[in-house]
Amino acid sequence: MTDPWRRPGARGNRRSPDRLRRPSKQRNATLTFAAITLALGGAFVALLWVSSYAKVRPTLGGFPFFYWYSLLWLVITTAAQFLAYQLLVARPRRRARWKAIR
């Protein structure tokens, strides 16, 4: 009986020591996910903490603090989402394309 999860031509059992080792790519992915979670989670928590920005003063250009604080976080969140996209999607695609070209 053949194992449906095994690659054709693969040798050894599924629990061989080299399969149990954690590759460095996976460790890097864990660090990447942690950094993205902190960046996006920080923006989320900052905007949920309403008492920190539910003020009128100080004003900036005639706009109350609430408005320009919210707009500032809009820009920060956009930058964090762009960074998350670059780390999760764009960089692995570029690496895969580069390996395919070589």
N, C-alpha and C. Protein backbone atom coordinates (compact mmCIF):
# COMPACT_ATOMS: atom_id res chain seq x y z
N MET A 1 0.85 -1.18 0.00
CA MET A 1 0.00 0.00 0.00
C MET A 1 0.90 1.24 0.00
N THR A 2 0.57 2.17 -0.86
CA THR A 2 1.41 3.37 -0.96
C THR A 2 0.81 4.49 -0.14
N ASP A 3 1.67 5.36 0.32
CA ASP A 3 1.25 6.51 1.11
C ASP A 3 0.86 7.64 0.17
N PRO A 4 -0.37 8.15 0.23
CA PRO A 4 -0.80 9.18 -0.70
C PRO A 4 -0.09 10.52 -0.48
N TRP A 5 0.50 10.72 0.69
CA TRP A 5 1.15 12.00 0.99
C TRP A 5 2.62 12.02 0.60
N ARG A 6 3.10 10.89 0.17
CA ARG A 6 4.52 10.79 -0.14
C ARG A 6 4.76 11.11 -1.61
N ARG A 7 5.81 11.84 -1.87
CA ARG A 7 6.17 12.16 -3.25
C ARG A 7 6.60 10.90 -3.96
N PRO A 8 6.30 10.81 -5.24
CA PRO A 8 6.78 9.64 -5.99
C PRO A 8 8.30 9.63 -6.00
N GLY A 9 8.88 8.51 -5.69
CA GLY A 9 10.33 8.38 -5.69
C GLY A 9 11.00 8.83 -4.41
N ALA A 10 10.23 9.30 -3.41
CA ALA A 10 10.83 9.74 -2.15
C ALA A 10 11.24 8.54 -1.33
N ARG A 11 12.36 8.67 -0.62
CA ARG A 11 12.83 7.56 0.20
C ARG A 11 12.65 7.87 1.67
N GLY A 12 12.62 6.85 2.48
CA GLY A 12 12.54 7.03 3.93
C GLY A 12 11.10 7.20 4.39
N ASN A 13 10.96 7.12 5.70
CA ASN A 13 9.62 7.27 6.24
C ASN A 13 9.30 8.75 6.45
N ARG A 14 8.07 9.04 6.79
CA ARG A 14 7.63 10.43 6.91
C ARG A 14 8.20 11.12 8.14
N ARG A 15 8.67 10.36 9.10
CA ARG A 15 9.17 10.96 10.33
C ARG A 15 10.69 10.93 10.42
N SER A 16 11.33 11.00 9.30
CA SER A 16 12.79 10.98 9.33
C SER A 16 13.31 12.27 9.97
N PRO A 17 14.49 12.24 10.57
CA PRO A 17 15.01 13.40 11.30
C PRO A 17 15.10 14.66 10.44
N ASP A 18 15.40 14.55 9.16
CA ASP A 18 15.52 15.74 8.34
C ASP A 18 14.16 16.40 8.11
N ARG A 19 13.07 15.66 8.19
CA ARG A 19 11.74 16.25 8.06
C ARG A 19 11.31 16.95 9.35
N LEU A 20 11.85 16.51 10.49
CA LEU A 20 11.46 17.09 11.76
C LEU A 20 12.22 18.37 12.06
N ARG A 21 13.34 18.57 11.40
CA ARG A 21 14.12 19.78 11.61
C ARG A 21 13.35 20.99 11.08
N ARG A 22 13.44 22.08 11.78
CA ARG A 22 12.74 23.29 11.35
C ARG A 22 13.67 24.10 10.45
N PRO A 23 13.28 24.30 9.20
CA PRO A 23 14.17 25.04 8.31
C PRO A 23 14.24 26.52 8.67
N SER A 24 15.32 27.16 8.26
CA SER A 24 15.50 28.58 8.58
C SER A 24 14.46 29.44 7.88
N LYS A 25 13.95 29.00 6.73
CA LYS A 25 12.91 29.76 6.03
C LYS A 25 11.68 29.89 6.91
N GLN A 26 11.33 28.82 7.60
CA GLN A 26 10.15 28.85 8.45
C GLN A 26 10.37 29.77 9.65
N ARG A 27 11.58 29.79 10.20
CA ARG A 27 11.88 30.70 11.29
C ARG A 27 11.78 32.14 10.82
N ASN A 28 12.28 32.42 9.62
CA ASN A 28 12.19 33.76 9.07
C ASN A 28 10.73 34.14 8.83
N ALA A 29 9.92 33.19 8.41
CA ALA A 29 8.51 33.46 8.19
C ALA A 29 7.82 33.80 9.51
N THR A 30 8.19 33.11 10.58
CA THR A 30 7.61 33.40 11.88
C THR A 30 7.96 34.81 12.33
N LEU A 31 9.21 35.20 12.13
CA LEU A 31 9.61 36.57 12.49
C LEU A 31 8.89 37.60 11.63
N THR A 32 8.70 37.28 10.36
CA THR A 32 7.98 38.19 9.46
C THR A 32 6.54 38.36 9.92
N PHE A 33 5.88 37.25 10.24
CA PHE A 33 4.49 37.33 10.70
C PHE A 33 4.40 38.11 12.01
N ALA A 34 5.36 37.94 12.89
CA ALA A 34 5.36 38.67 14.16
C ALA A 34 5.51 40.18 13.92
N ALA A 35 6.41 40.55 13.03
CA ALA A 35 6.61 41.98 12.73
C ALA A 35 5.36 42.59 12.10
N ILE A 36 4.73 41.86 11.21
CA ILE A 36 3.52 42.36 10.56
C ILE A 36 2.38 42.48 11.58
N THR A 37 2.27 41.50 12.45
CA THR A 37 1.23 41.55 13.48
C THR A 37 1.42 42.75 14.40
N LEU A 38 2.66 43.03 14.78
CA LEU A 38 2.92 44.19 15.63
C LEU A 38 2.60 45.49 14.90
N ALA A 39 2.96 45.59 13.65
CA ALA A 39 2.73 46.83 12.90
C ALA A 39 1.24 47.08 12.69
N LEU A 40 0.53 46.07 12.23
CA LEU A 40 -0.91 46.24 11.98
C LEU A 40 -1.71 46.26 13.28
N GLY A 41 -1.30 45.46 14.25
CA GLY A 41 -1.98 45.43 15.54
C GLY A 41 -1.81 46.72 16.31
N GLY A 42 -0.64 47.33 16.19
CA GLY A 42 -0.41 48.62 16.86
C GLY A 42 -1.35 49.70 16.36
N ALA A 43 -1.54 49.76 15.07
CA ALA A 43 -2.47 50.74 14.49
C ALA A 43 -3.90 50.45 14.94
N PHE A 44 -4.25 49.18 14.98
CA PHE A 44 -5.59 48.79 15.38
C PHE A 44 -5.87 49.19 16.83
N VAL A 45 -4.93 48.90 17.71
CA VAL A 45 -5.09 49.23 19.13
C VAL A 45 -5.09 50.73 19.35
N ALA A 46 -4.23 51.45 18.63
CA ALA A 46 -4.16 52.91 18.79
C ALA A 46 -5.47 53.58 18.44
N LEU A 47 -6.16 53.06 17.44
CA LEU A 47 -7.45 53.66 17.05
C LEU A 47 -8.60 53.16 17.91
N LEU A 48 -8.44 52.01 18.55
CA LEU A 48 -9.49 51.54 19.46
C LEU A 48 -9.44 52.25 20.81
N TRP A 49 -8.30 52.78 21.16
CA TRP A 49 -8.11 53.47 22.43
C TRP A 49 -8.58 54.92 22.26
N VAL A 50 -9.89 55.10 22.28
CA VAL A 50 -10.51 56.38 21.93
C VAL A 50 -10.17 57.48 22.92
N SER A 51 -10.04 57.17 24.18
CA SER A 51 -9.78 58.22 25.16
C SER A 51 -8.44 58.92 24.93
N SER A 52 -7.55 58.30 24.18
CA SER A 52 -6.26 58.93 23.91
C SER A 52 -6.35 60.05 22.88
N TYR A 53 -7.39 60.04 22.05
CA TYR A 53 -7.48 61.06 21.01
C TYR A 53 -8.84 61.75 20.93
N ALA A 54 -9.72 61.54 21.89
CA ALA A 54 -11.03 62.19 21.88
C ALA A 54 -10.91 63.58 22.51
N LYS A 55 -10.20 64.45 21.82
CA LYS A 55 -9.94 65.80 22.31
C LYS A 55 -10.15 66.79 21.17
N VAL A 56 -10.33 68.03 21.53
CA VAL A 56 -10.44 69.08 20.52
C VAL A 56 -9.09 69.76 20.35
N ARG A 57 -8.41 69.99 21.45
CA ARG A 57 -7.11 70.66 21.40
C ARG A 57 -5.99 69.65 21.48
N PRO A 58 -4.87 69.84 20.91
CA PRO A 58 -4.42 70.96 20.11
C PRO A 58 -4.97 70.88 18.69
N THR A 59 -5.03 72.01 18.06
CA THR A 59 -5.48 72.04 16.67
C THR A 59 -4.27 72.17 15.76
N LEU A 60 -4.43 71.70 14.56
CA LEU A 60 -3.37 71.78 13.56
C LEU A 60 -4.01 72.29 12.27
N GLY A 61 -3.71 73.52 11.92
CA GLY A 61 -4.29 74.11 10.71
C GLY A 61 -5.78 74.32 10.83
N GLY A 62 -6.26 74.51 12.04
CA GLY A 62 -7.69 74.71 12.24
C GLY A 62 -8.48 73.42 12.44
N PHE A 63 -7.81 72.29 12.29
CA PHE A 63 -8.48 71.00 12.48
C PHE A 63 -8.28 70.54 13.91
N PRO A 64 -9.34 70.04 14.56
CA PRO A 64 -9.18 69.51 15.92
C PRO A 64 -8.27 68.28 15.93
N PHE A 65 -7.74 68.00 17.10
CA PHE A 65 -6.81 66.88 17.29
C PHE A 65 -7.39 65.57 16.78
N PHE A 66 -8.66 65.32 17.04
CA PHE A 66 -9.30 64.07 16.62
C PHE A 66 -9.13 63.82 15.13
N TYR A 67 -9.34 64.85 14.30
CA TYR A 67 -9.29 64.67 12.86
C TYR A 67 -7.87 64.43 12.35
N TRP A 68 -6.92 65.26 12.79
CA TRP A 68 -5.59 65.06 12.23
C TRP A 68 -4.90 63.83 12.81
N TYR A 69 -5.28 63.43 14.02
CA TYR A 69 -4.75 62.18 14.59
C TYR A 69 -5.25 60.99 13.77
N SER A 70 -6.54 61.01 13.43
CA SER A 70 -7.11 59.92 12.61
C SER A 70 -6.47 59.87 11.23
N LEU A 71 -6.25 61.04 10.62
CA LEU A 71 -5.62 61.07 9.30
C LEU A 71 -4.16 60.61 9.37
N LEU A 72 -3.49 60.94 10.44
CA LEU A 72 -2.11 60.48 10.62
C LEU A 72 -2.07 58.95 10.69
N TRP A 73 -2.99 58.37 11.45
CA TRP A 73 -3.03 56.91 11.54
C TRP A 73 -3.46 56.27 10.23
N LEU A 74 -4.22 56.97 9.42
CA LEU A 74 -4.57 56.46 8.10
C LEU A 74 -3.31 56.28 7.26
N VAL A 75 -2.45 57.26 7.30
CA VAL A 75 -1.19 57.19 6.55
C VAL A 75 -0.28 56.10 7.13
N ILE A 76 -0.19 56.03 8.45
CA ILE A 76 0.66 55.01 9.09
C ILE A 76 0.15 53.60 8.78
N THR A 77 -1.16 53.41 8.83
CA THR A 77 -1.74 52.10 8.55
C THR A 77 -1.53 51.71 7.08
N THR A 78 -1.65 52.67 6.19
CA THR A 78 -1.40 52.40 4.78
C THR A 78 0.04 51.95 4.57
N ALA A 79 0.98 52.62 5.22
CA ALA A 79 2.39 52.22 5.11
C ALA A 79 2.61 50.83 5.70
N ALA A 80 1.95 50.52 6.82
CA ALA A 80 2.09 49.19 7.44
C ALA A 80 1.50 48.10 6.55
N GLN A 81 0.38 48.39 5.89
CA GLN A 81 -0.21 47.41 4.99
C GLN A 81 0.66 47.20 3.75
N PHE A 82 1.26 48.26 3.26
CA PHE A 82 2.18 48.13 2.13
C PHE A 82 3.38 47.28 2.52
N LEU A 83 3.92 47.52 3.69
CA LEU A 83 5.04 46.73 4.19
C LEU A 83 4.64 45.26 4.33
N ALA A 84 3.46 45.01 4.87
CA ALA A 84 2.98 43.64 5.03
C ALA A 84 2.85 42.96 3.67
N TYR A 85 2.33 43.66 2.69
CA TYR A 85 2.19 43.10 1.35
C TYR A 85 3.56 42.77 0.76
N GLN A 86 4.50 43.69 0.92
CA GLN A 86 5.83 43.47 0.38
C GLN A 86 6.49 42.25 1.03
N LEU A 87 6.32 42.11 2.33
CA LEU A 87 6.96 40.99 3.03
C LEU A 87 6.30 39.65 2.75
N LEU A 88 4.98 39.64 2.61
CA LEU A 88 4.26 38.37 2.46
C LEU A 88 4.08 37.93 1.01
N VAL A 89 3.91 38.87 0.10
CA VAL A 89 3.55 38.50 -1.27
C VAL A 89 4.63 38.87 -2.28
N ALA A 90 5.01 40.13 -2.31
CA ALA A 90 5.89 40.60 -3.37
C ALA A 90 7.30 40.02 -3.27
N ARG A 91 7.87 39.99 -2.08
CA ARG A 91 9.24 39.49 -1.95
C ARG A 91 9.34 38.01 -2.31
N PRO A 92 8.43 37.14 -1.83
CA PRO A 92 8.52 35.73 -2.26
C PRO A 92 8.32 35.55 -3.77
N ARG A 93 7.46 36.37 -4.38
CA ARG A 93 7.29 36.28 -5.83
C ARG A 93 8.57 36.65 -6.56
N ARG A 94 9.21 37.73 -6.10
CA ARG A 94 10.46 38.14 -6.75
C ARG A 94 11.52 37.06 -6.60
N ARG A 95 11.60 36.45 -5.41
CA ARG A 95 12.58 35.39 -5.21
C ARG A 95 12.30 34.21 -6.12
N ALA A 96 11.03 33.84 -6.26
CA ALA A 96 10.67 32.71 -7.11
C ALA A 96 11.00 33.01 -8.57
N ARG A 97 10.71 34.24 -9.01
CA ARG A 97 11.05 34.63 -10.38
C ARG A 97 12.55 34.61 -10.61
N TRP A 98 13.31 35.09 -9.62
CA TRP A 98 14.76 35.13 -9.74
C TRP A 98 15.33 33.72 -9.83
N LYS A 99 14.79 32.81 -9.03
CA LYS A 99 15.27 31.42 -9.09
C LYS A 99 14.92 30.77 -10.41
N ALA A 100 13.75 31.12 -10.97
CA ALA A 100 13.33 30.54 -12.24
C ALA A 100 14.22 31.03 -13.38
N ILE A 101 14.69 32.26 -13.29
CA ILE A 101 15.54 32.82 -14.34
C ILE A 101 16.91 32.18 -14.32
N ARG A 102 17.43 31.93 -13.15
CA ARG A 102 18.76 31.33 -13.03
C ARG A 102 18.73 30.00 -13.60
